[in-house]
PDB file of N, CA and C in Angstrom:
ATOM      1  N   UNK A   1       0.822  -1.193   0.000  1.00  0.00           N
ATOM      2  CA  UNK A   1       0.000   0.000   0.000  1.00  0.00           C
ATOM      3  C   UNK A   1       0.865   1.255   0.000  1.00  0.00           C
ATOM      4  N   UNK A   2       1.995   1.209   0.675  1.00  0.00           N
ATOM      5  CA  UNK A   2       2.882   2.376   0.730  1.00  0.00           C
ATOM      6  C   UNK A   2       3.445   2.700  -0.650  1.00  0.00           C
ATOM      7  N   UNK A   3       3.857   1.684  -1.403  1.00  0.00           N
ATOM      8  CA  UNK A   3       4.378   1.904  -2.763  1.00  0.00           C
ATOM      9  C   UNK A   3       3.313   2.531  -3.650  1.00  0.00           C
ATOM     10  N   UNK A   4       2.070   2.074  -3.518  1.00  0.00           N
ATOM     11  CA  UNK A   4       0.979   2.643  -4.310  1.00  0.00           C
ATOM     12  C   UNK A   4       0.820   4.126  -3.970  1.00  0.00           C
ATOM     13  N   UNK A   5       0.893   4.480  -2.700  1.00  0.00           N
ATOM     14  CA  UNK A   5       0.779   5.889  -2.300  1.00  0.00           C
ATOM     15  C   UNK A   5       1.915   6.722  -2.887  1.00  0.00           C
ATOM     16  N   UNK A   6       3.120   6.167  -2.891  1.00  0.00           N
ATOM     17  CA  UNK A   6       4.273   6.877  -3.459  1.00  0.00           C
ATOM     18  C   UNK A   6       4.082   7.093  -4.958  1.00  0.00           C
ATOM     19  N   UNK A   7       3.673   6.036  -5.663  1.00  0.00           N
ATOM     20  CA  UNK A   7       3.443   6.138  -7.108  1.00  0.00           C
ATOM     21  C   UNK A   7       2.317   7.123  -7.425  1.00  0.00           C
ATOM     22  N   UNK A   8       1.247   7.072  -6.634  1.00  0.00           N
ATOM     23  CA  UNK A   8       0.125   7.974  -6.864  1.00  0.00           C
ATOM     24  C   UNK A   8       0.533   9.426  -6.600  1.00  0.00           C
ATOM     25  N   UNK A   9       1.282   9.672  -5.536  1.00  0.00           N
ATOM     26  CA  UNK A   9       1.734  11.023  -5.225  1.00  0.00           C
ATOM     27  C   UNK A   9       2.616  11.569  -6.351  1.00  0.00           C
ATOM     28  N   UNK A  10       3.468  10.720  -6.901  1.00  0.00           N
ATOM     29  CA  UNK A  10       4.327  11.146  -8.014  1.00  0.00           C
ATOM     30  C   UNK A  10       3.482  11.457  -9.247  1.00  0.00           C
ATOM     31  N   UNK A  11       2.466  10.637  -9.518  1.00  0.00           N
ATOM     32  CA  UNK A  11       1.580  10.890 -10.656  1.00  0.00           C
ATOM     33  C   UNK A  11       0.867  12.230 -10.482  1.00  0.00           C
ATOM     34  N   UNK A  12       0.420  12.508  -9.278  1.00  0.00           N
ATOM     35  CA  UNK A  12      -0.252  13.791  -9.011  1.00  0.00           C
ATOM     36  C   UNK A  12       0.718  14.963  -9.167  1.00  0.00           C
ATOM     37  N   UNK A  13       1.970  14.754  -8.796  1.00  0.00           N
ATOM     38  CA  UNK A  13       2.974  15.808  -8.973  1.00  0.00           C
ATOM     39  C   UNK A  13       3.194  16.082 -10.461  1.00  0.00           C
ATOM     40  N   UNK A  14       3.235  15.028 -11.264  1.00  0.00           N
ATOM     41  CA  UNK A  14       3.390  15.206 -12.712  1.00  0.00           C
ATOM     42  C   UNK A  14       2.216  16.019 -13.259  1.00  0.00           C
ATOM     43  N   UNK A  15       1.006  15.716 -12.779  1.00  0.00           N
ATOM     44  CA  UNK A  15      -0.167  16.486 -13.222  1.00  0.00           C
ATOM     45  C   UNK A  15      -0.023  17.952 -12.816  1.00  0.00           C
ATOM     46  N   UNK A  16       0.418  18.216 -11.575  1.00  0.00           N
ATOM     47  CA  UNK A  16       0.599  19.599 -11.114  1.00  0.00           C
ATOM     48  C   UNK A  16       1.649  20.328 -11.948  1.00  0.00           C
ATOM     49  N   UNK A  17       2.724  19.639 -12.300  1.00  0.00           N
ATOM     50  CA  UNK A  17       3.766  20.230 -13.133  1.00  0.00           C
ATOM     51  C   UNK A  17       3.209  20.560 -14.518  1.00  0.00           C
ATOM     52  N   UNK A  18       2.375  19.686 -15.051  1.00  0.00           N
ATOM     53  CA  UNK A  18       1.760  19.930 -16.362  1.00  0.00           C
ATOM     54  C   UNK A  18       0.842  21.145 -16.304  1.00  0.00           C
ATOM     55  N   UNK A  19       0.058  21.248 -15.241  1.00  0.00           N
ATOM     56  CA  UNK A  19      -0.838  22.390 -15.078  1.00  0.00           C
ATOM     57  C   UNK A  19      -0.025  23.684 -14.995  1.00  0.00           C
ATOM     58  N   UNK A  20       1.063  23.656 -14.241  1.00  0.00           N
ATOM     59  CA  UNK A  20       1.908  24.845 -14.086  1.00  0.00           C
ATOM     60  C   UNK A  20       2.499  25.303 -15.419  1.00  0.00           C
ATOM     61  N   UNK A  21       2.701  24.370 -16.334  1.00  0.00           N
ATOM     62  CA  UNK A  21       3.247  24.693 -17.662  1.00  0.00           C
ATOM     63  C   UNK A  21       2.147  24.984 -18.680  1.00  0.00           C
ATOM     64  N   UNK A  22       0.889  24.966 -18.227  1.00  0.00           N
ATOM     65  CA  UNK A  22      -0.217  25.228 -19.138  1.00  0.00           C
ATOM     66  C   UNK A  22      -0.666  24.014 -19.928  1.00  0.00           C
ATOM     67  N   UNK A  23      -0.292  22.824 -19.473  1.00  0.00           N
ATOM     68  CA  UNK A  23      -0.630  21.575 -20.166  1.00  0.00           C
ATOM     69  C   UNK A  23      -1.513  20.691 -19.291  1.00  0.00           C
ATOM     70  N   UNK A  24      -2.402  21.304 -18.523  1.00  0.00           N
ATOM     71  CA  UNK A  24      -3.218  20.571 -17.567  1.00  0.00           C
ATOM     72  C   UNK A  24      -4.107  19.508 -18.172  1.00  0.00           C
ATOM     73  N   UNK A  25      -4.492  19.643 -19.433  1.00  0.00           N
ATOM     74  CA  UNK A  25      -5.356  18.659 -20.067  1.00  0.00           C
ATOM     75  C   UNK A  25      -4.640  17.423 -20.552  1.00  0.00           C
ATOM     76  N   UNK A  26      -3.317  17.385 -20.443  1.00  0.00           N
ATOM     77  CA  UNK A  26      -2.561  16.230 -20.929  1.00  0.00           C
ATOM     78  C   UNK A  26      -2.845  14.967 -20.132  1.00  0.00           C
ATOM     79  N   UNK A  27      -3.078  15.115 -18.829  1.00  0.00           N
ATOM     80  CA  UNK A  27      -3.376  13.969 -17.974  1.00  0.00           C
ATOM     81  C   UNK A  27      -4.860  14.011 -17.643  1.00  0.00           C
ATOM     82  N   UNK A  28      -5.603  13.019 -18.134  1.00  0.00           N
ATOM     83  CA  UNK A  28      -7.048  12.993 -17.947  1.00  0.00           C
ATOM     84  C   UNK A  28      -7.457  12.372 -16.619  1.00  0.00           C
ATOM     85  N   UNK A  29      -6.824  11.250 -16.243  1.00  0.00           N
ATOM     86  CA  UNK A  29      -7.215  10.539 -15.027  1.00  0.00           C
ATOM     87  C   UNK A  29      -5.999   9.868 -14.399  1.00  0.00           C
ATOM     88  N   UNK A  30      -6.076   9.694 -13.084  1.00  0.00           N
ATOM     89  CA  UNK A  30      -5.115   8.889 -12.338  1.00  0.00           C
ATOM     90  C   UNK A  30      -5.932   7.894 -11.532  1.00  0.00           C
ATOM     91  N   UNK A  31      -5.610   6.608 -11.661  1.00  0.00           N
ATOM     92  CA  UNK A  31      -6.321   5.562 -10.924  1.00  0.00           C
ATOM     93  C   UNK A  31      -5.323   4.781 -10.085  1.00  0.00           C
ATOM     94  N   UNK A  32      -5.556   4.739  -8.784  1.00  0.00           N
ATOM     95  CA  UNK A  32      -4.714   3.960  -7.873  1.00  0.00           C
ATOM     96  C   UNK A  32      -5.574   2.887  -7.223  1.00  0.00           C
ATOM     97  N   UNK A  33      -5.073   1.658  -7.217  1.00  0.00           N
ATOM     98  CA  UNK A  33      -5.794   0.534  -6.620  1.00  0.00           C
ATOM     99  C   UNK A  33      -4.844  -0.228  -5.715  1.00  0.00           C
ATOM    100  N   UNK A  34      -5.324  -0.597  -4.536  1.00  0.00           N
ATOM    101  CA  UNK A  34      -4.563  -1.414  -3.601  1.00  0.00           C
ATOM    102  C   UNK A  34      -5.337  -2.706  -3.366  1.00  0.00           C
ATOM    103  N   UNK A  35      -4.646  -3.828  -3.430  1.00  0.00           N
ATOM    104  CA  UNK A  35      -5.283  -5.126  -3.203  1.00  0.00           C
ATOM    105  C   UNK A  35      -5.793  -5.787  -4.472  1.00  0.00           C
ATOM    106  N   UNK A  36      -5.661  -5.094  -5.580  1.00  0.00           N
ATOM    107  CA  UNK A  36      -6.101  -5.638  -6.866  1.00  0.00           C
ATOM    108  C   UNK A  36      -5.326  -4.953  -7.981  1.00  0.00           C
ATOM    109  N   UNK A  37      -5.358  -5.551  -9.147  1.00  0.00           N
ATOM    110  CA  UNK A  37      -4.742  -4.960 -10.327  1.00  0.00           C
ATOM    111  C   UNK A  37      -5.762  -5.001 -11.464  1.00  0.00           C
ATOM    112  N   UNK A  38      -6.677  -4.021 -11.497  1.00  0.00           N
ATOM    113  CA  UNK A  38      -7.764  -4.068 -12.471  1.00  0.00           C
ATOM    114  C   UNK A  38      -7.308  -4.087 -13.922  1.00  0.00           C
ATOM    115  N   UNK A  39      -6.215  -3.427 -14.257  1.00  0.00           N
ATOM    116  CA  UNK A  39      -5.776  -3.434 -15.646  1.00  0.00           C
ATOM    117  C   UNK A  39      -5.142  -4.759 -16.026  1.00  0.00           C
ATOM    118  N   UNK A  40      -4.577  -5.496 -15.074  1.00  0.00           N
ATOM    119  CA  UNK A  40      -4.102  -6.848 -15.361  1.00  0.00           C
ATOM    120  C   UNK A  40      -5.270  -7.780 -15.637  1.00  0.00           C
ATOM    121  N   UNK A  41      -6.394  -7.579 -14.962  1.00  0.00           N
ATOM    122  CA  UNK A  41      -7.588  -8.385 -15.226  1.00  0.00           C
ATOM    123  C   UNK A  41      -8.036  -8.165 -16.661  1.00  0.00           C
ATOM    124  N   UNK A  42      -8.026  -6.915 -17.107  1.00  0.00           N
ATOM    125  CA  UNK A  42      -8.403  -6.616 -18.485  1.00  0.00           C
ATOM    126  C   UNK A  42      -7.449  -7.307 -19.452  1.00  0.00           C
ATOM    127  N   UNK A  43      -6.148  -7.251 -19.184  1.00  0.00           N
ATOM    128  CA  UNK A  43      -5.175  -7.917 -20.054  1.00  0.00           C
ATOM    129  C   UNK A  43      -5.449  -9.416 -20.131  1.00  0.00           C
ATOM    130  N   UNK A  44      -5.788 -10.031 -18.996  1.00  0.00           N
ATOM    131  CA  UNK A  44      -6.080 -11.458 -18.972  1.00  0.00           C
ATOM    132  C   UNK A  44      -7.301 -11.762 -19.819  1.00  0.00           C
ATOM    133  N   UNK A  45      -8.323 -10.925 -19.720  1.00  0.00           N
ATOM    134  CA  UNK A  45      -9.530 -11.134 -20.513  1.00  0.00           C
ATOM    135  C   UNK A  45      -9.240 -11.004 -22.001  1.00  0.00           C
ATOM    136  N   UNK A  46      -8.170 -10.313 -22.339  1.00  0.00           N
ATOM    137  CA  UNK A  46      -7.813 -10.109 -23.739  1.00  0.00           C
ATOM    138  C   UNK A  46      -6.742 -11.087 -24.198  1.00  0.00           C
ATOM    139  N   UNK A  47      -6.558 -12.184 -23.498  1.00  0.00           N
ATOM    140  CA  UNK A  47      -5.622 -13.186 -23.984  1.00  0.00           C
ATOM    141  C   UNK A  47      -4.677 -13.760 -22.970  1.00  0.00           C
ATOM    142  N   UNK A  48      -4.814 -13.404 -21.697  1.00  0.00           N
ATOM    143  CA  UNK A  48      -3.962 -14.001 -20.668  1.00  0.00           C
ATOM    144  C   UNK A  48      -4.362 -15.434 -20.406  1.00  0.00           C
ATOM    145  N   UNK A  49      -3.607 -16.113 -19.577  1.00  0.00           N
ATOM    146  CA  UNK A  49      -3.933 -17.513 -19.295  1.00  0.00           C
ATOM    147  C   UNK A  49      -4.994 -17.615 -18.201  1.00  0.00           C
ATOM    148  N   UNK A  50      -5.791 -18.630 -18.282  1.00  0.00           N
ATOM    149  CA  UNK A  50      -6.854 -18.863 -17.302  1.00  0.00           C
ATOM    150  C   UNK A  50      -6.246 -19.114 -15.930  1.00  0.00           C
ATOM    151  N   UNK A  51      -6.921 -18.649 -14.904  1.00  0.00           N
ATOM    152  CA  UNK A  51      -6.462 -18.884 -13.542  1.00  0.00           C
ATOM    153  C   UNK A  51      -5.524 -17.827 -13.004  1.00  0.00           C
ATOM    154  N   UNK A  52      -5.165 -16.837 -13.822  1.00  0.00           N
ATOM    155  CA  UNK A  52      -4.317 -15.765 -13.314  1.00  0.00           C
ATOM    156  C   UNK A  52      -5.021 -15.078 -12.149  1.00  0.00           C
ATOM    157  N   UNK A  53      -4.288 -14.778 -11.101  1.00  0.00           N
ATOM    158  CA  UNK A  53      -4.851 -14.119  -9.924  1.00  0.00           C
ATOM    159  C   UNK A  53      -4.313 -12.695  -9.838  1.00  0.00           C
ATOM    160  N   UNK A  54      -5.207 -11.732  -9.703  1.00  0.00           N
ATOM    161  CA  UNK A  54      -4.800 -10.344  -9.625  1.00  0.00           C
ATOM    162  C   UNK A  54      -5.413  -9.647  -8.418  1.00  0.00           C
ATOM    163  N   UNK A  55      -5.655 -10.413  -7.344  1.00  0.00           N
ATOM    164  CA  UNK A  55      -6.162  -9.865  -6.102  1.00  0.00           C
ATOM    165  C   UNK A  55      -5.270 -10.335  -4.958  1.00  0.00           C
ATOM    166  N   UNK A  56      -5.080  -9.497  -3.977  1.00  0.00           N
ATOM    167  CA  UNK A  56      -4.289  -9.857  -2.808  1.00  0.00           C
ATOM    168  C   UNK A  56      -3.702  -8.610  -2.179  1.00  0.00           C
ATOM    169  N   UNK A  57      -3.492  -8.657  -0.889  1.00  0.00           N
ATOM    170  CA  UNK A  57      -3.014  -7.467  -0.174  1.00  0.00           C
ATOM    171  C   UNK A  57      -1.624  -7.035  -0.625  1.00  0.00           C
ATOM    172  N   UNK A  58      -0.887  -7.914  -1.303  1.00  0.00           N
ATOM    173  CA  UNK A  58       0.457  -7.595  -1.761  1.00  0.00           C
ATOM    174  C   UNK A  58       0.460  -6.906  -3.122  1.00  0.00           C
ATOM    175  N   UNK A  59      -0.712  -6.733  -3.746  1.00  0.00           N
ATOM    176  CA  UNK A  59      -0.789  -6.163  -5.082  1.00  0.00           C
ATOM    177  C   UNK A  59      -1.268  -4.715  -5.061  1.00  0.00           C
ATOM    178  N   UNK A  60      -0.874  -3.991  -6.077  1.00  0.00           N
ATOM    179  CA  UNK A  60      -1.336  -2.626  -6.253  1.00  0.00           C
ATOM    180  C   UNK A  60      -1.046  -2.184  -7.669  1.00  0.00           C
ATOM    181  N   UNK A  61      -1.664  -1.081  -8.049  1.00  0.00           N
ATOM    182  CA  UNK A  61      -1.515  -0.609  -9.419  1.00  0.00           C
ATOM    183  C   UNK A  61      -1.841   0.882  -9.449  1.00  0.00           C
ATOM    184  N   UNK A  62      -1.075   1.635 -10.223  1.00  0.00           N
ATOM    185  CA  UNK A  62      -1.372   3.041 -10.466  1.00  0.00           C
ATOM    186  C   UNK A  62      -1.296   3.258 -11.969  1.00  0.00           C
ATOM    187  N   UNK A  63      -2.344   3.847 -12.530  1.00  0.00           N
ATOM    188  CA  UNK A  63      -2.410   4.117 -13.965  1.00  0.00           C
ATOM    189  C   UNK A  63      -2.627   5.595 -14.193  1.00  0.00           C
ATOM    190  N   UNK A  64      -1.939   6.124 -15.193  1.00  0.00           N
ATOM    191  CA  UNK A  64      -2.152   7.495 -15.641  1.00  0.00           C
ATOM    192  C   UNK A  64      -2.761   7.410 -17.028  1.00  0.00           C
ATOM    193  N   UNK A  65      -3.945   8.009 -17.201  1.00  0.00           N
ATOM    194  CA  UNK A  65      -4.566   8.052 -18.520  1.00  0.00           C
ATOM    195  C   UNK A  65      -4.261   9.404 -19.143  1.00  0.00           C
ATOM    196  N   UNK A  66      -3.577   9.376 -20.260  1.00  0.00           N
ATOM    197  CA  UNK A  66      -3.227  10.599 -20.966  1.00  0.00           C
ATOM    198  C   UNK A  66      -4.299  10.945 -21.984  1.00  0.00           C
ATOM    199  N   UNK A  67      -4.375  12.215 -22.325  1.00  0.00           N
ATOM    200  CA  UNK A  67      -5.246  12.651 -23.413  1.00  0.00           C
ATOM    201  C   UNK A  67      -4.713  12.022 -24.711  1.00  0.00           C
ATOM    202  N   UNK A  68      -5.537  11.933 -25.744  1.00  0.00           N
ATOM    203  CA  UNK A  68      -5.057  11.389 -27.019  1.00  0.00           C
ATOM    204  C   UNK A  68      -3.811  12.139 -27.511  1.00  0.00           C
ATOM    205  N   UNK A  69      -2.907  11.407 -28.141  1.00  0.00           N
ATOM    206  CA  UNK A  69      -1.619  11.962 -28.573  1.00  0.00           C
ATOM    207  C   UNK A  69      -1.768  13.201 -29.447  1.00  0.00           C
ATOM    208  N   UNK A  70      -2.805  13.234 -30.262  1.00  0.00           N
ATOM    209  CA  UNK A  70      -2.946  14.366 -31.177  1.00  0.00           C
ATOM    210  C   UNK A  70      -3.361  15.669 -30.488  1.00  0.00           C
ATOM    211  N   UNK A  71      -3.769  15.603 -29.215  1.00  0.00           N
ATOM    212  CA  UNK A  71      -4.178  16.829 -28.522  1.00  0.00           C
ATOM    213  C   UNK A  71      -3.302  17.185 -27.322  1.00  0.00           C
ATOM    214  N   UNK A  72      -2.374  16.329 -26.946  1.00  0.00           N
ATOM    215  CA  UNK A  72      -1.538  16.645 -25.784  1.00  0.00           C
ATOM    216  C   UNK A  72      -0.154  17.103 -26.219  1.00  0.00           C
ATOM    217  N   UNK A  73       0.525  17.749 -25.297  1.00  0.00           N
ATOM    218  CA  UNK A  73       1.866  18.259 -25.584  1.00  0.00           C
ATOM    219  C   UNK A  73       2.963  17.356 -25.031  1.00  0.00           C
ATOM    220  N   UNK A  74       2.678  16.575 -24.004  1.00  0.00           N
ATOM    221  CA  UNK A  74       3.666  15.663 -23.419  1.00  0.00           C
ATOM    222  C   UNK A  74       3.562  14.304 -24.090  1.00  0.00           C
ATOM    223  N   UNK A  75       4.694  13.669 -24.318  1.00  0.00           N
ATOM    224  CA  UNK A  75       4.672  12.311 -24.845  1.00  0.00           C
ATOM    225  C   UNK A  75       4.524  11.324 -23.692  1.00  0.00           C
ATOM    226  N   UNK A  76       4.059  10.135 -24.007  1.00  0.00           N
ATOM    227  CA  UNK A  76       3.958   9.086 -22.990  1.00  0.00           C
ATOM    228  C   UNK A  76       5.336   8.776 -22.414  1.00  0.00           C
ATOM    229  N   UNK A  77       6.344   8.782 -23.262  1.00  0.00           N
ATOM    230  CA  UNK A  77       7.711   8.523 -22.804  1.00  0.00           C
ATOM    231  C   UNK A  77       8.197   9.569 -21.822  1.00  0.00           C
ATOM    232  N   UNK A  78       7.858  10.835 -22.065  1.00  0.00           N
ATOM    233  CA  UNK A  78       8.266  11.905 -21.149  1.00  0.00           C
ATOM    234  C   UNK A  78       7.587  11.738 -19.794  1.00  0.00           C
ATOM    235  N   UNK A  79       6.319  11.349 -19.807  1.00  0.00           N
ATOM    236  CA  UNK A  79       5.604  11.117 -18.551  1.00  0.00           C
ATOM    237  C   UNK A  79       6.245   9.950 -17.803  1.00  0.00           C
ATOM    238  N   UNK A  80       6.532   8.863 -18.510  1.00  0.00           N
ATOM    239  CA  UNK A  80       7.142   7.685 -17.876  1.00  0.00           C
ATOM    240  C   UNK A  80       8.510   8.016 -17.291  1.00  0.00           C
ATOM    241  N   UNK A  81       9.320   8.773 -18.030  1.00  0.00           N
ATOM    242  CA  UNK A  81      10.651   9.140 -17.519  1.00  0.00           C
ATOM    243  C   UNK A  81      10.542  10.008 -16.266  1.00  0.00           C
ATOM    244  N   UNK A  82       9.613  10.969 -16.289  1.00  0.00           N
ATOM    245  CA  UNK A  82       9.451  11.846 -15.124  1.00  0.00           C
ATOM    246  C   UNK A  82       8.956  11.062 -13.922  1.00  0.00           C
ATOM    247  N   UNK A  83       8.039  10.136 -14.159  1.00  0.00           N
ATOM    248  CA  UNK A  83       7.518   9.298 -13.084  1.00  0.00           C
ATOM    249  C   UNK A  83       8.646   8.501 -12.454  1.00  0.00           C
ATOM    250  N   UNK A  84       9.490   7.915 -13.289  1.00  0.00           N
ATOM    251  CA  UNK A  84      10.603   7.121 -12.769  1.00  0.00           C
ATOM    252  C   UNK A  84      11.607   8.004 -12.028  1.00  0.00           C
ATOM    253  N   UNK A  85      11.829   9.234 -12.515  1.00  0.00           N
ATOM    254  CA  UNK A  85      12.709  10.158 -11.799  1.00  0.00           C
ATOM    255  C   UNK A  85      12.195  10.423 -10.388  1.00  0.00           C
ATOM    256  N   UNK A  86      10.888  10.564 -10.270  1.00  0.00           N
ATOM    257  CA  UNK A  86      10.293  10.896  -8.975  1.00  0.00           C
ATOM    258  C   UNK A  86      10.276   9.730  -7.999  1.00  0.00           C
ATOM    259  N   UNK A  87      10.080   8.493  -8.487  1.00  0.00           N
ATOM    260  CA  UNK A  87       9.946   7.349  -7.580  1.00  0.00           C
ATOM    261  C   UNK A  87      11.165   6.446  -7.546  1.00  0.00           C
ATOM    262  N   UNK A  88      12.054   6.558  -8.513  1.00  0.00           N
ATOM    263  CA  UNK A  88      13.216   5.686  -8.571  1.00  0.00           C
ATOM    264  C   UNK A  88      12.831   4.319  -9.109  1.00  0.00           C
ATOM    265  N   UNK A  89      13.765   3.380  -9.112  1.00  0.00           N
ATOM    266  CA  UNK A  89      13.471   2.038  -9.640  1.00  0.00           C
ATOM    267  C   UNK A  89      12.387   1.346  -8.846  1.00  0.00           C
ATOM    268  N   UNK A  90      11.488   0.675  -9.553  1.00  0.00           N
ATOM    269  CA  UNK A  90      10.398  -0.058  -8.914  1.00  0.00           C
ATOM    270  C   UNK A  90      10.429  -1.492  -9.398  1.00  0.00           C
ATOM    271  N   UNK A  91      10.758  -2.457  -8.540  1.00  0.00           N
ATOM    272  CA  UNK A  91      10.780  -3.858  -8.953  1.00  0.00           C
ATOM    273  C   UNK A  91       9.420  -4.303  -9.479  1.00  0.00           C
ATOM    274  N   UNK A  92       9.418  -5.123 -10.487  1.00  0.00           N
ATOM    275  CA  UNK A  92       8.223  -5.702 -11.091  1.00  0.00           C
ATOM    276  C   UNK A  92       7.370  -4.716 -11.865  1.00  0.00           C
ATOM    277  N   UNK A  93       7.837  -3.507 -12.063  1.00  0.00           N
ATOM    278  CA  UNK A  93       7.073  -2.549 -12.880  1.00  0.00           C
ATOM    279  C   UNK A  93       7.380  -2.802 -14.345  1.00  0.00           C
ATOM    280  N   UNK A  94       6.338  -2.779 -15.181  1.00  0.00           N
ATOM    281  CA  UNK A  94       6.577  -3.017 -16.609  1.00  0.00           C
ATOM    282  C   UNK A  94       7.329  -1.868 -17.245  1.00  0.00           C
TER     283      UNK A  94
END
């Protein structure tokens, strides 16, 4: 749960930095989940193996939804690099 809070706080900081630069619409949503990985469930439904488990107190997930590429000023890569700068290396992160 602590790692999820750290990741979420960093995502919110990235949004604040974007707003300060006049790019507030680049980040549409931030979703933080503790105890489940809802986007892994979606991946499984789209071709993962049966029986995959994505619930448990040891799991968490933070997702940043960006505006479509044609309307935003930040690239997905720039957001990912900034996120990693803020939180440092995270084991098991894709």
